[in-house]
Structures are given as C-alpha cells and as structure tokens.
N, C-alpha and C. Protein backbone atom coordinates (compact mmCIF):
# COMPACT_ATOMS: atom_id res chain seq x y z
N MET A 1 29.44 51.57 27.98
CA MET A 1 28.85 50.28 27.82
C MET A 1 28.94 49.58 29.17
N ALA A 2 27.83 48.96 29.56
CA ALA A 2 27.79 48.30 30.86
C ALA A 2 27.58 46.80 30.66
N PHE A 3 28.22 46.03 31.48
CA PHE A 3 28.07 44.59 31.46
C PHE A 3 27.51 44.14 32.80
N VAL A 4 26.63 43.18 32.73
CA VAL A 4 26.04 42.64 33.96
C VAL A 4 26.27 41.14 33.97
N ASN A 5 26.83 40.66 35.02
CA ASN A 5 27.00 39.23 35.21
C ASN A 5 26.08 38.78 36.33
N ASP A 6 25.32 37.75 36.05
CA ASP A 6 24.42 37.21 37.06
C ASP A 6 24.82 35.76 37.31
N ILE A 7 25.51 35.53 38.35
CA ILE A 7 25.98 34.19 38.68
C ILE A 7 25.15 33.68 39.85
N ARG A 8 24.48 32.60 39.60
CA ARG A 8 23.65 32.02 40.66
C ARG A 8 24.24 30.67 41.04
N SER A 9 24.36 30.46 42.30
CA SER A 9 24.85 29.17 42.75
C SER A 9 23.67 28.39 43.33
N ILE A 10 23.68 27.14 43.07
CA ILE A 10 22.62 26.26 43.56
C ILE A 10 23.22 25.40 44.66
N GLU A 11 22.67 25.54 45.80
CA GLU A 11 23.12 24.71 46.92
C GLU A 11 22.46 23.35 46.81
N ILE A 12 23.26 22.34 46.81
CA ILE A 12 22.75 20.98 46.80
C ILE A 12 22.95 20.43 48.19
N GLY A 13 21.84 20.18 48.84
CA GLY A 13 21.90 19.68 50.19
C GLY A 13 22.12 18.18 50.23
N ILE A 14 22.32 17.69 51.44
CA ILE A 14 22.57 16.27 51.63
C ILE A 14 21.37 15.44 51.20
N ALA A 15 20.16 15.96 51.43
CA ALA A 15 18.95 15.22 51.03
C ALA A 15 18.90 15.06 49.51
N ASP A 16 19.28 16.10 48.78
CA ASP A 16 19.30 16.02 47.32
C ASP A 16 20.33 15.01 46.84
N ARG A 17 21.45 14.98 47.51
CA ARG A 17 22.51 14.03 47.13
C ARG A 17 22.07 12.60 47.41
N VAL A 18 21.39 12.39 48.53
CA VAL A 18 20.90 11.05 48.86
C VAL A 18 19.85 10.61 47.85
N ARG A 19 18.94 11.53 47.48
CA ARG A 19 17.93 11.20 46.47
C ARG A 19 18.58 10.85 45.13
N ALA A 20 19.59 11.61 44.75
CA ALA A 20 20.29 11.35 43.49
C ALA A 20 20.99 10.00 43.54
N LEU A 21 21.62 9.70 44.65
CA LEU A 21 22.29 8.41 44.81
C LEU A 21 21.28 7.26 44.75
N ALA A 22 20.14 7.44 45.41
CA ALA A 22 19.09 6.40 45.39
C ALA A 22 18.59 6.20 43.97
N ALA A 23 18.43 7.26 43.21
CA ALA A 23 17.99 7.15 41.82
C ALA A 23 19.02 6.40 40.98
N GLN A 24 20.30 6.69 41.21
CA GLN A 24 21.36 5.99 40.48
C GLN A 24 21.37 4.50 40.82
N ILE A 25 21.16 4.19 42.08
CA ILE A 25 21.13 2.78 42.50
C ILE A 25 19.93 2.07 41.87
N ARG A 26 18.76 2.72 41.88
CA ARG A 26 17.58 2.11 41.25
C ARG A 26 17.82 1.86 39.77
N ALA A 27 18.43 2.81 39.09
CA ALA A 27 18.71 2.66 37.66
C ALA A 27 19.69 1.52 37.41
N ALA A 28 20.72 1.42 38.25
CA ALA A 28 21.70 0.35 38.10
C ALA A 28 21.06 -1.01 38.34
N LEU A 29 20.19 -1.10 39.33
CA LEU A 29 19.50 -2.36 39.60
C LEU A 29 18.56 -2.74 38.46
N ALA A 30 17.90 -1.76 37.87
CA ALA A 30 17.03 -2.03 36.72
C ALA A 30 17.84 -2.55 35.55
N ARG A 31 19.02 -1.93 35.30
CA ARG A 31 19.89 -2.42 34.21
C ARG A 31 20.37 -3.84 34.50
N ARG A 32 20.69 -4.11 35.75
CA ARG A 32 21.16 -5.45 36.13
C ARG A 32 20.06 -6.49 35.91
N ARG A 33 18.82 -6.13 36.26
CA ARG A 33 17.70 -7.06 36.04
C ARG A 33 17.52 -7.37 34.56
N ILE A 34 17.63 -6.34 33.71
CA ILE A 34 17.52 -6.56 32.27
C ILE A 34 18.62 -7.50 31.80
N TYR A 35 19.84 -7.25 32.25
CA TYR A 35 20.97 -8.09 31.87
C TYR A 35 20.74 -9.54 32.28
N LEU A 36 20.38 -9.76 33.54
CA LEU A 36 20.20 -11.12 34.04
C LEU A 36 19.03 -11.83 33.36
N ARG A 37 17.93 -11.10 33.14
CA ARG A 37 16.77 -11.70 32.46
C ARG A 37 17.13 -12.11 31.03
N THR A 38 17.83 -11.23 30.32
CA THR A 38 18.24 -11.52 28.95
C THR A 38 19.20 -12.70 28.91
N LEU A 39 20.16 -12.71 29.80
CA LEU A 39 21.14 -13.80 29.85
C LEU A 39 20.43 -15.13 30.15
N GLU A 40 19.49 -15.11 31.07
CA GLU A 40 18.75 -16.33 31.41
C GLU A 40 17.96 -16.84 30.20
N GLU A 41 17.30 -15.93 29.49
CA GLU A 41 16.52 -16.34 28.32
C GLU A 41 17.43 -16.89 27.23
N LEU A 42 18.58 -16.29 27.02
CA LEU A 42 19.51 -16.78 26.01
C LEU A 42 20.08 -18.14 26.39
N ARG A 43 20.34 -18.35 27.67
CA ARG A 43 20.89 -19.63 28.11
C ARG A 43 19.89 -20.77 27.96
N ARG A 44 18.61 -20.45 27.90
CA ARG A 44 17.58 -21.48 27.70
C ARG A 44 17.56 -22.02 26.28
N LEU A 45 18.14 -21.26 25.35
CA LEU A 45 18.15 -21.68 23.94
C LEU A 45 19.25 -22.71 23.72
N ASP A 46 18.96 -23.66 22.84
CA ASP A 46 20.00 -24.64 22.52
C ASP A 46 20.90 -24.05 21.42
N ASN A 47 21.98 -24.77 21.11
CA ASN A 47 22.97 -24.25 20.16
C ASN A 47 22.38 -24.01 18.78
N ARG A 48 21.44 -24.84 18.38
CA ARG A 48 20.84 -24.66 17.05
C ARG A 48 20.01 -23.36 17.01
N GLU A 49 19.24 -23.12 18.06
CA GLU A 49 18.44 -21.88 18.11
C GLU A 49 19.34 -20.65 18.15
N LEU A 50 20.43 -20.75 18.90
CA LEU A 50 21.39 -19.65 18.94
C LEU A 50 22.01 -19.42 17.57
N ALA A 51 22.35 -20.51 16.88
CA ALA A 51 22.93 -20.40 15.54
C ALA A 51 21.94 -19.74 14.58
N ASP A 52 20.65 -20.08 14.72
CA ASP A 52 19.63 -19.45 13.87
C ASP A 52 19.58 -17.94 14.10
N LEU A 53 19.88 -17.52 15.32
CA LEU A 53 19.90 -16.09 15.64
C LEU A 53 21.24 -15.44 15.31
N GLY A 54 22.21 -16.26 14.92
CA GLY A 54 23.54 -15.74 14.60
C GLY A 54 24.36 -15.43 15.84
N ILE A 55 24.10 -16.17 16.92
CA ILE A 55 24.79 -15.94 18.18
C ILE A 55 25.58 -17.19 18.56
N HIS A 56 26.86 -17.03 18.83
CA HIS A 56 27.67 -18.13 19.33
C HIS A 56 27.49 -18.17 20.85
N PRO A 57 27.49 -19.36 21.46
CA PRO A 57 27.31 -19.43 22.92
C PRO A 57 28.29 -18.57 23.72
N SER A 58 29.47 -18.35 23.20
CA SER A 58 30.45 -17.53 23.92
C SER A 58 30.08 -16.04 23.90
N GLU A 59 29.10 -15.65 23.09
CA GLU A 59 28.72 -14.25 22.96
C GLU A 59 27.51 -13.86 23.83
N LEU A 60 27.02 -14.77 24.64
CA LEU A 60 25.81 -14.51 25.39
C LEU A 60 25.94 -13.28 26.29
N GLY A 61 27.04 -13.15 26.98
CA GLY A 61 27.25 -12.00 27.86
C GLY A 61 27.25 -10.69 27.10
N ARG A 62 27.90 -10.69 25.94
CA ARG A 62 27.94 -9.47 25.12
C ARG A 62 26.55 -9.09 24.62
N VAL A 63 25.80 -10.09 24.18
CA VAL A 63 24.45 -9.82 23.67
C VAL A 63 23.57 -9.27 24.80
N ALA A 64 23.70 -9.84 26.00
CA ALA A 64 22.92 -9.36 27.14
C ALA A 64 23.31 -7.93 27.50
N ARG A 65 24.60 -7.60 27.44
CA ARG A 65 25.04 -6.23 27.72
C ARG A 65 24.50 -5.26 26.67
N GLU A 66 24.46 -5.69 25.43
CA GLU A 66 23.90 -4.85 24.37
C GLU A 66 22.42 -4.59 24.60
N ALA A 67 21.71 -5.59 25.14
CA ALA A 67 20.29 -5.41 25.47
C ALA A 67 20.12 -4.33 26.51
N VAL A 68 21.03 -4.27 27.46
CA VAL A 68 20.98 -3.24 28.50
C VAL A 68 21.25 -1.87 27.87
N ASP A 69 22.19 -1.79 26.96
CA ASP A 69 22.52 -0.52 26.33
C ASP A 69 21.36 0.02 25.50
N ARG A 70 20.55 -0.89 24.91
CA ARG A 70 19.43 -0.48 24.09
C ARG A 70 18.20 -0.15 24.91
N ALA A 71 18.18 -0.58 26.18
CA ALA A 71 16.97 -0.36 27.02
C ALA A 71 16.91 1.04 27.54
C-alpha cells in the first residue's frame, strides 16, 4: 500500500500582506462610519422617541455597536 502526501506551501509576499492590511483598514473604517452615523441619528431623537423604540439614552452606544454587527 502506498501513501502520497502533497504539501503545497503558498508564499505570501509583502505586496499581498499590504493589500490584506489595506482591506482590513477599509473594512474597519466602513464599520466605524456605520457606528458614527447610527449614533448621530439616535442622538437626534428626543427621549420620547427613544422610549417609543424601547431604547434608554444610556444604551445609544450599544445600539450603534449592534448596528455594526448586523451590517
């Protein structure tokens, strides 16, 4: 009985690493924009509107973070 192992290594060059880092930075900035936009929109609501949505003013940051997680 014969066994064959084929192990291939993938060389990741510096250019690939830079592209991957740039992609991660773009994704992080996009998430940050969603967070800030959501937080700004929530802060525009008065306490009554927030209460209608079931949100306490102290929860605005959490709600904005959840928006990022769902995006």
